[in-house]
Amino acid sequence: MTNLAMYTSLAGGALIGISAALLLWATGRIAGISNIAGNLFAASSGERWWRVLFLLGLIGGAGIYYVVAGHAPAAREHFPSWLLAVAGLLVGFGTSLANGCTSGHGVCGIGRLSTRSFVATLLFLSTGIVTALVVRHFFKVF
């Protein structure tokens, strides 16, 4: 890990924490991305504005990083497209099953000392570790 990666990771983590705290303070809502995006069109017009702004902030933050750093993080060029599609479907299923995602449970739930969020985050991390091992050893994808 380079010094630049350390500082950008630290800044990114701080920005995630600040944005989650600001959203909770301003709206009383938890910053769970799967819930924010999943209920975007089902929300009333009064609820939709903050969801749109939050999601635009995610996209805008990536754009700002690109402008400041001068490059985008490198994608895994040799990763099979079908495996990415399966992974995306499994993540969507998992967030539905867990009633939330890593941002809702891992960032906000643990910060609120939620037992359910501790268990969900432990399962997310365990499943991610096992999945990485399987993909690396059985599919030979690095």
Protein backbone atom coordinates (compact mmCIF):
# COMPACT_ATOMS: atom_id res chain seq x y z
CA MET A 1 0.00 0.00 0.00
CA THR A 2 1.41 3.35 -0.99
CA ASN A 3 1.08 6.53 1.01
CA LEU A 4 -1.33 7.91 -1.57
CA ALA A 5 -3.56 4.82 -1.29
CA MET A 6 -3.49 5.13 2.49
CA TYR A 7 -4.55 8.78 2.39
CA THR A 8 -7.23 8.30 -0.24
CA SER A 9 -8.63 5.31 1.69
CA LEU A 10 -8.66 7.34 4.90
CA ALA A 11 -10.35 10.27 3.16
CA GLY A 12 -12.91 7.96 1.54
CA GLY A 13 -13.75 6.31 4.85
CA ALA A 14 -14.11 9.69 6.55
CA LEU A 15 -16.39 10.94 3.77
CA ILE A 16 -18.57 7.82 4.02
CA GLY A 17 -18.88 8.28 7.79
CA ILE A 18 -19.63 11.99 7.49
CA SER A 19 -22.24 11.48 4.77
CA ALA A 20 -23.95 8.69 6.75
CA ALA A 21 -24.03 10.89 9.87
CA LEU A 22 -25.33 13.90 7.92
CA LEU A 23 -28.07 11.83 6.28
CA LEU A 24 -29.17 10.45 9.65
CA TRP A 25 -29.11 13.93 11.19
CA ALA A 26 -30.89 15.68 8.29
CA THR A 27 -33.51 13.05 7.43
CA GLY A 28 -33.51 10.47 10.21
CA ARG A 29 -32.70 7.84 7.56
CA ILE A 30 -29.98 5.19 7.49
CA ALA A 31 -27.50 5.41 4.60
CA GLY A 32 -28.17 1.93 3.22
CA ILE A 33 -27.45 2.15 -0.49
CA SER A 34 -29.55 -0.87 -1.47
CA ASN A 35 -32.59 0.61 0.28
CA ILE A 36 -31.98 4.12 -1.06
CA ALA A 37 -31.63 2.90 -4.66
CA GLY A 38 -34.20 0.12 -4.41
CA ASN A 39 -36.97 2.42 -3.20
CA LEU A 40 -36.09 5.39 -5.39
CA PHE A 41 -39.08 5.10 -7.71
CA ALA A 42 -41.51 3.76 -5.09
CA ALA A 43 -40.88 6.72 -2.77
CA SER A 44 -43.14 9.73 -2.58
CA SER A 45 -41.89 12.89 -4.26
CA GLY A 46 -40.94 14.32 -0.85
CA GLU A 47 -38.83 11.25 -0.12
CA ARG A 48 -37.35 10.98 -3.61
CA TRP A 49 -35.32 14.22 -3.55
CA TRP A 50 -32.85 13.17 -0.88
CA ARG A 51 -32.47 9.70 -2.46
CA VAL A 52 -31.62 11.28 -5.83
CA LEU A 53 -29.17 13.71 -4.21
CA PHE A 54 -27.47 10.92 -2.25
CA LEU A 55 -27.06 8.74 -5.35
CA LEU A 56 -25.81 11.70 -7.40
CA GLY A 57 -23.29 12.36 -4.63
CA LEU A 58 -21.97 8.81 -5.03
CA ILE A 59 -21.52 9.29 -8.76
CA GLY A 60 -20.18 12.83 -8.32
CA GLY A 61 -17.67 11.64 -5.74
CA ALA A 62 -16.27 9.14 -8.22
CA GLY A 63 -16.08 11.92 -10.82
CA ILE A 64 -14.22 14.21 -8.44
CA TYR A 65 -11.75 11.43 -7.64
CA TYR A 66 -11.16 10.89 -11.35
CA VAL A 67 -10.49 14.61 -11.91
CA VAL A 68 -8.21 14.97 -8.86
CA ALA A 69 -6.28 11.70 -9.27
CA GLY A 70 -6.13 11.91 -13.05
CA HIS A 71 -7.13 8.27 -13.53
CA ALA A 72 -9.81 5.81 -12.61
CA PRO A 73 -9.04 2.73 -10.51
CA ALA A 74 -8.02 -0.13 -12.78
CA ALA A 75 -10.74 -2.64 -13.54
CA ARG A 76 -9.99 -6.34 -13.68
CA GLU A 77 -9.72 -6.78 -17.42
CA HIS A 78 -9.51 -10.57 -17.40
CA PHE A 79 -12.46 -11.16 -15.11
CA PRO A 80 -15.15 -13.20 -16.96
CA SER A 81 -18.30 -11.21 -17.71
CA TRP A 82 -20.57 -14.12 -16.82
CA LEU A 83 -18.98 -14.31 -13.38
CA LEU A 84 -19.54 -10.59 -12.84
CA ALA A 85 -23.22 -11.03 -13.78
CA VAL A 86 -23.62 -13.95 -11.37
CA ALA A 87 -21.86 -11.97 -8.64
CA GLY A 88 -24.16 -8.99 -9.19
CA LEU A 89 -27.26 -11.18 -8.97
CA LEU A 90 -25.99 -12.85 -5.80
CA VAL A 91 -25.22 -9.48 -4.19
CA GLY A 92 -28.71 -8.25 -5.05
CA PHE A 93 -30.25 -11.42 -3.62
CA GLY A 94 -28.09 -11.15 -0.49
CA THR A 95 -29.02 -7.54 0.21
CA SER A 96 -32.67 -8.44 -0.16
CA LEU A 97 -32.27 -11.46 2.13
CA ALA A 98 -30.36 -9.46 4.76
CA ASN A 99 -32.70 -6.44 4.55
CA GLY A 100 -29.71 -4.25 3.81
CA CYS A 101 -26.19 -4.04 2.50
CA THR A 102 -22.71 -3.38 3.81
CA SER A 103 -23.34 0.36 4.00
CA GLY A 104 -26.60 0.01 5.93
CA HIS A 105 -25.46 -2.76 8.25
CA GLY A 106 -21.67 -2.37 8.23
CA VAL A 107 -21.37 1.40 8.45
CA CYS A 108 -24.61 2.58 10.03
CA GLY A 109 -25.83 -0.50 11.91
CA ILE A 110 -22.56 -1.24 13.68
CA GLY A 111 -22.27 2.45 14.52
CA ARG A 112 -25.69 2.17 16.22
CA LEU A 113 -24.55 -1.04 18.02
CA SER A 114 -27.24 -3.13 16.29
CA THR A 115 -26.85 -6.85 17.01
CA ARG A 116 -28.57 -7.70 13.72
CA SER A 117 -26.07 -5.53 11.85
CA PHE A 118 -23.10 -7.14 13.63
CA VAL A 119 -24.37 -10.58 12.56
CA ALA A 120 -25.15 -9.43 8.99
CA THR A 121 -21.71 -7.81 8.60
CA LEU A 122 -19.98 -10.92 9.95
CA LEU A 123 -21.88 -13.00 7.38
CA PHE A 124 -21.07 -10.53 4.57
CA LEU A 125 -17.37 -10.64 5.35
CA SER A 126 -17.26 -14.43 5.83
CA THR A 127 -19.12 -15.03 2.58
CA GLY A 128 -16.82 -12.59 0.75
CA ILE A 129 -13.70 -14.35 2.02
CA VAL A 130 -15.02 -17.80 1.06
CA THR A 131 -16.16 -16.52 -2.35
CA ALA A 132 -12.74 -14.97 -3.05
CA LEU A 133 -11.04 -18.24 -2.18
CA VAL A 134 -13.39 -20.26 -4.40
CA VAL A 135 -13.06 -17.88 -7.35
CA ARG A 136 -9.27 -17.81 -7.07
CA HIS A 137 -8.74 -21.54 -6.63
CA PHE A 138 -11.50 -23.12 -8.70
CA PHE A 139 -11.93 -20.55 -11.48
CA LYS A 140 -8.30 -19.35 -11.44
CA VAL A 141 -9.42 -15.72 -11.62
CA PHE A 142 -7.13 -13.18 -9.93
